[in-house]
C-alpha atoms as a PDB file:
ATOM      1  CA  SER A   1       0.000   0.000   0.000  1.00  0.00           C
ATOM      2  CA  ALA A   2       0.988   3.622  -0.386  1.00  0.00           C
ATOM      3  CA  PRO A   3       3.069   5.258   2.336  1.00  0.00           C
ATOM      4  CA  THR A   4       1.069   7.332   4.787  1.00  0.00           C
ATOM      5  CA  SER A   5       3.786   9.655   6.066  1.00  0.00           C
ATOM      6  CA  GLY A   6       2.651  13.265   6.020  1.00  0.00           C
ATOM      7  CA  SER A   7      -0.994  12.230   5.791  1.00  0.00           C
ATOM      8  CA  ALA A   8      -3.319  14.033   8.196  1.00  0.00           C
ATOM      9  CA  THR A   9      -5.767  11.142   8.311  1.00  0.00           C
ATOM     10  CA  ALA A  10      -4.998   7.536   9.146  1.00  0.00           C
ATOM     11  CA  THR A  11      -5.681   5.033   6.405  1.00  0.00           C
ATOM     12  CA  SER A  12      -6.766   1.433   6.673  1.00  0.00           C
ATOM     13  CA  THR A  13      -3.960  -1.123   6.781  1.00  0.00           C
ATOM     14  CA  LEU A  14      -6.435  -3.925   5.984  1.00  0.00           C
ATOM     15  CA  SER A  15      -8.642  -3.919   2.915  1.00  0.00           C
ATOM     16  CA  SER A  16     -11.384  -5.978   4.539  1.00  0.00           C
ATOM     17  CA  ALA A  17     -12.736  -7.517   7.722  1.00  0.00           C
ATOM     18  CA  ARG A  18     -15.812  -9.487   8.753  1.00  0.00           C
ATOM     19  CA  VAL A  19     -18.342  -9.766  11.548  1.00  0.00           C
ATOM     20  CA  ALA A  20     -20.266 -12.880  12.558  1.00  0.00           C
ATOM     21  CA  LEU A  21     -23.301 -11.547  14.447  1.00  0.00           C
ATOM     22  CA  ALA A  22     -24.719 -13.878  17.086  1.00  0.00           C
ATOM     23  CA  SER A  23     -27.956 -13.509  19.000  1.00  0.00           C
ATOM     24  CA  ALA A  24     -28.077 -11.696  22.341  1.00  0.00           C
ATOM     25  CA  SER A  25     -30.759 -10.911  24.931  1.00  0.00           C
ATOM     26  CA  GLY A  26     -32.719 -14.044  23.998  1.00  0.00           C
ATOM     27  CA  SER A  27     -33.255 -13.034  20.367  1.00  0.00           C
ATOM     28  CA  LEU A  28     -32.923 -15.241  17.295  1.00  0.00           C
ATOM     29  CA  VAL A  29     -31.066 -12.552  15.337  1.00  0.00           C
ATOM     30  CA  SER A  30     -27.850 -13.433  13.505  1.00  0.00           C
ATOM     31  CA  GLY A  31     -25.961 -12.611  10.341  1.00  0.00           C
ATOM     32  CA  THR A  32     -22.646 -12.061   8.627  1.00  0.00           C
ATOM     33  CA  LEU A  33     -21.272  -8.690   7.608  1.00  0.00           C
ATOM     34  CA  SER A  34     -18.382  -7.838   5.293  1.00  0.00           C
ATOM     35  CA  LEU A  35     -16.388  -4.661   5.892  1.00  0.00           C
ATOM     36  CA  MET A  36     -14.276  -2.959   3.235  1.00  0.00           C
ATOM     37  CA  ALA A  37     -12.021   0.064   3.482  1.00  0.00           C
ATOM     38  CA  MET A  38     -13.606   2.592   1.131  1.00  0.00           C
ATOM     39  CA  GLY A  39     -13.148   6.314   0.614  1.00  0.00           C
ATOM     40  CA  ASP A  40     -13.279   8.223   3.905  1.00  0.00           C
ATOM     41  CA  GLY A  41     -14.096   5.178   6.023  1.00  0.00           C
ATOM     42  CA  VAL A  42     -15.425   1.640   6.057  1.00  0.00           C
ATOM     43  CA  HIS A  43     -18.341   0.240   4.048  1.00  0.00           C
ATOM     44  CA  VAL A  44     -20.439  -2.545   5.589  1.00  0.00           C
ATOM     45  CA  THR A  45     -22.617  -4.995   3.670  1.00  0.00           C
ATOM     46  CA  GLY A  46     -24.403  -8.231   4.508  1.00  0.00           C
ATOM     47  CA  ASP A  47     -27.662  -9.707   5.739  1.00  0.00           C
ATOM     48  CA  ILE A  48     -29.052  -9.934   9.271  1.00  0.00           C
ATOM     49  CA  GLY A  49     -31.946 -12.335   9.813  1.00  0.00           C
ATOM     50  CA  GLY A  50     -34.324 -13.236  12.602  1.00  0.00           C
ATOM     51  CA  LEU A  51     -35.784  -9.744  12.931  1.00  0.00           C
ATOM     52  CA  ALA A  52     -39.500  -8.985  13.114  1.00  0.00           C
ATOM     53  CA  PRO A  53     -40.975  -8.356   9.642  1.00  0.00           C
ATOM     54  CA  ASN A  54     -40.791  -4.690   8.570  1.00  0.00           C
ATOM     55  CA  SER A  55     -39.097  -3.645  11.835  1.00  0.00           C
ATOM     56  CA  THR A  56     -36.520  -0.899  12.464  1.00  0.00           C
ATOM     57  CA  HIS A  57     -33.368  -1.326  14.554  1.00  0.00           C
ATOM     58  CA  GLY A  58     -30.473   0.729  15.875  1.00  0.00           C
ATOM     59  CA  PHE A  59     -27.117  -0.299  14.367  1.00  0.00           C
ATOM     60  CA  HIS A  60     -23.829   0.797  15.905  1.00  0.00           C
ATOM     61  CA  ILE A  61     -20.173  -0.003  16.386  1.00  0.00           C
ATOM     62  CA  HIS A  62     -19.447  -0.363  20.121  1.00  0.00           C
ATOM     63  CA  GLU A  63     -16.143   0.295  21.868  1.00  0.00           C
ATOM     64  CA  THR A  64     -15.284  -3.163  23.242  1.00  0.00           C
ATOM     65  CA  GLY A  65     -14.982  -6.324  21.152  1.00  0.00           C
ATOM     66  CA  ASP A  66     -16.591  -8.536  23.787  1.00  0.00           C
ATOM     67  CA  CYS A  67     -19.955 -10.187  23.158  1.00  0.00           C
ATOM     68  CA  SER A  68     -19.692 -12.626  26.077  1.00  0.00           C
ATOM     69  CA  ALA A  69     -22.474 -11.144  28.239  1.00  0.00           C
ATOM     70  CA  ALA A  70     -25.925 -12.636  27.519  1.00  0.00           C
ATOM     71  CA  ASP A  71     -27.278  -9.117  26.916  1.00  0.00           C
ATOM     72  CA  ALA A  72     -24.093  -7.979  25.077  1.00  0.00           C
ATOM     73  CA  SER A  73     -23.504  -5.281  27.723  1.00  0.00           C
ATOM     74  CA  SER A  74     -19.856  -6.418  27.650  1.00  0.00           C
ATOM     75  CA  ALA A  75     -19.481  -4.523  24.339  1.00  0.00           C
ATOM     76  CA  GLY A  76     -19.555  -1.206  26.224  1.00  0.00           C
ATOM     77  CA  GLY A  77     -20.839   2.050  24.792  1.00  0.00           C
ATOM     78  CA  HIS A  78     -20.740   3.399  21.254  1.00  0.00           C
ATOM     79  CA  PHE A  79     -17.330   3.682  19.587  1.00  0.00           C
ATOM     80  CA  ASN A  80     -16.561   7.348  20.179  1.00  0.00           C
ATOM     81  CA  PRO A  81     -12.812   8.127  20.229  1.00  0.00           C
ATOM     82  CA  SER A  82     -13.420  11.812  19.463  1.00  0.00           C
ATOM     83  CA  GLY A  83     -15.739  12.388  22.448  1.00  0.00           C
ATOM     84  CA  GLU A  84     -18.727  13.624  20.432  1.00  0.00           C
ATOM     85  CA  ALA A  85     -22.398  13.555  21.439  1.00  0.00           C
ATOM     86  CA  HIS A  86     -24.603  10.816  19.957  1.00  0.00           C
ATOM     87  CA  GLY A  87     -26.412  11.719  16.751  1.00  0.00           C
ATOM     88  CA  ARG A  88     -27.383  10.703  13.256  1.00  0.00           C
ATOM     89  CA  ALA A  89     -24.386   9.752  11.122  1.00  0.00           C
ATOM     90  CA  SER A  90     -25.252  12.520   8.635  1.00  0.00           C
ATOM     91  CA  ALA A  91     -25.240  15.177  11.389  1.00  0.00           C
ATOM     92  CA  PRO A  92     -22.123  17.280  12.080  1.00  0.00           C
ATOM     93  CA  HIS A  93     -21.752  15.767  15.575  1.00  0.00           C
ATOM     94  CA  HIS A  94     -22.067  12.032  16.219  1.00  0.00           C
ATOM     95  CA  HIS A  95     -20.119   9.049  17.504  1.00  0.00           C
ATOM     96  CA  LEU A  96     -17.924   7.420  14.866  1.00  0.00           C
ATOM     97  CA  GLY A  97     -19.861   4.237  15.699  1.00  0.00           C
ATOM     98  CA  ASP A  98     -23.278   5.773  14.968  1.00  0.00           C
ATOM     99  CA  ASN A  99     -25.156   4.774  11.832  1.00  0.00           C
ATOM    100  CA  ASP A 100     -28.671   4.947  10.435  1.00  0.00           C
ATOM    101  CA  ASN A 101     -31.282   2.433  11.539  1.00  0.00           C
ATOM    102  CA  LEU A 102     -31.573  -0.918   9.807  1.00  0.00           C
ATOM    103  CA  LEU A 103     -34.889  -1.761   8.150  1.00  0.00           C
ATOM    104  CA  ALA A 104     -35.983  -5.400   8.026  1.00  0.00           C
ATOM    105  CA  ASP A 105     -37.982  -6.584   5.030  1.00  0.00           C
ATOM    106  CA  ALA A 106     -41.215  -8.605   5.103  1.00  0.00           C
ATOM    107  CA  ASN A 107     -39.159 -11.736   5.842  1.00  0.00           C
ATOM    108  CA  GLY A 108     -37.395 -10.164   8.831  1.00  0.00           C
ATOM    109  CA  VAL A 109     -34.091  -9.738   7.005  1.00  0.00           C
ATOM    110  CA  ALA A 110     -32.131  -6.471   7.035  1.00  0.00           C
ATOM    111  CA  HIS A 111     -29.953  -6.031   3.949  1.00  0.00           C
ATOM    112  CA  VAL A 112     -27.098  -3.913   5.278  1.00  0.00           C
ATOM    113  CA  ASN A 113     -25.469  -1.317   3.026  1.00  0.00           C
ATOM    114  CA  ALA A 114     -23.908   1.184   5.434  1.00  0.00           C
ATOM    115  CA  HIS A 115     -20.891   3.493   5.513  1.00  0.00           C
ATOM    116  CA  PHE A 116     -19.028   4.520   8.658  1.00  0.00           C
ATOM    117  CA  ALA A 117     -17.009   7.656   7.859  1.00  0.00           C
ATOM    118  CA  GLY A 118     -13.874   8.492   9.816  1.00  0.00           C
ATOM    119  CA  VAL A 119     -12.940   4.951  10.839  1.00  0.00           C
ATOM    120  CA  VAL A 120     -10.269   2.575   9.502  1.00  0.00           C
ATOM    121  CA  LEU A 121      -9.531  -1.143   9.422  1.00  0.00           C
ATOM    122  CA  GLY A 122      -6.255  -1.933  11.148  1.00  0.00           C
ATOM    123  CA  GLY A 123      -3.304   0.129  12.259  1.00  0.00           C
ATOM    124  CA  GLY A 124      -4.178   0.181  15.947  1.00  0.00           C
ATOM    125  CA  GLY A 125      -4.923   3.906  16.088  1.00  0.00           C
ATOM    126  CA  ALA A 126      -7.803   5.582  17.895  1.00  0.00           C
ATOM    127  CA  ASP A 127     -10.004   5.305  14.780  1.00  0.00           C
ATOM    128  CA  ASP A 128      -9.287   1.581  14.140  1.00  0.00           C
ATOM    129  CA  ILE A 129     -12.479  -0.515  14.429  1.00  0.00           C
ATOM    130  CA  VAL A 130     -10.871  -3.979  14.152  1.00  0.00           C
ATOM    131  CA  GLY A 131     -11.570  -5.733  17.445  1.00  0.00           C
ATOM    132  CA  LYS A 132     -14.593  -3.538  18.200  1.00  0.00           C
ATOM    133  CA  ALA A 133     -18.160  -4.898  18.311  1.00  0.00           C
ATOM    134  CA  VAL A 134     -21.128  -4.377  15.999  1.00  0.00           C
ATOM    135  CA  ILE A 135     -24.493  -4.292  17.799  1.00  0.00           C
ATOM    136  CA  VAL A 136     -28.046  -4.549  16.485  1.00  0.00           C
ATOM    137  CA  HIS A 137     -30.623  -3.076  18.886  1.00  0.00           C
ATOM    138  CA  ALA A 138     -34.238  -4.136  19.525  1.00  0.00           C
ATOM    139  CA  ASN A 139     -35.663  -0.672  18.802  1.00  0.00           C
ATOM    140  CA  PRO A 140     -34.922   2.221  16.436  1.00  0.00           C
ATOM    141  CA  ASP A 141     -32.281   4.784  17.321  1.00  0.00           C
ATOM    142  CA  ASP A 142     -34.052   8.128  17.817  1.00  0.00           C
ATOM    143  CA  TYR A 143     -30.791   9.908  16.834  1.00  0.00           C
ATOM    144  CA  ALA A 144     -31.209  12.330  19.752  1.00  0.00           C
ATOM    145  CA  SER A 145     -31.283  10.695  23.207  1.00  0.00           C
ATOM    146  CA  GLN A 146     -27.928  10.660  24.994  1.00  0.00           C
ATOM    147  CA  PRO A 147     -25.753   8.739  25.239  1.00  0.00           C
ATOM    148  CA  SER A 148     -26.986   6.155  22.752  1.00  0.00           C
ATOM    149  CA  GLY A 149     -30.284   6.982  21.021  1.00  0.00           C
ATOM    150  CA  ASN A 150     -32.605   4.984  23.298  1.00  0.00           C
ATOM    151  CA  ALA A 151     -32.426   1.985  20.949  1.00  0.00           C
ATOM    152  CA  GLY A 152     -33.214  -0.636  23.584  1.00  0.00           C
ATOM    153  CA  ALA A 153     -31.843  -4.111  24.163  1.00  0.00           C
ATOM    154  CA  ARG A 154     -28.844  -5.435  22.266  1.00  0.00           C
ATOM    155  CA  ILE A 155     -30.285  -8.293  20.188  1.00  0.00           C
ATOM    156  CA  ALA A 156     -27.170  -9.247  18.199  1.00  0.00           C
ATOM    157  CA  CYS A 157     -23.458  -8.769  18.720  1.00  0.00           C
ATOM    158  CA  GLY A 158     -20.340  -9.613  16.732  1.00  0.00           C
ATOM    159  CA  VAL A 159     -16.674  -8.665  16.841  1.00  0.00           C
ATOM    160  CA  ILE A 160     -14.989  -7.057  13.846  1.00  0.00           C
ATOM    161  CA  SER A 161     -12.155  -9.414  12.880  1.00  0.00           C
ATOM    162  CA  ALA A 162      -9.499  -9.496  10.203  1.00  0.00           C
ATOM    163  CA  PRO A 163     -10.176 -12.071   7.471  1.00  0.00           C
END
């Protein structure tokens, strides 16, 4: 890859990563996500099943790559190395781990096509999301409540891992 000396922004040292989402909080939600370094951040695609038909769910990167607690509380709060307030990803101020809600289709499957700006894959810096957790919440993120959008229980959790 190209040298990064003199660059103001860290760049991904890995081109891709993956997440295997497992159910939490007694849900039946699971899925597999693929992450690719793209443009100003990381693009996430994949399918998450086991959701209620036509439901809406908060979707975030959390700060700790630990899904061992039954309710996924072990994943900590939203990934927020810059100390911002929670908000919609398109707003000027938000956690780097914030993203728009997922929408499940009539079969209870969310087809993820999301972009997290300002984060990288690898390198070990403050903005590196490898080793962090991805969480799907039971309820929609309201994009306003602090600290995490009042999105309810954590119904799926997976750790971002190098391929």
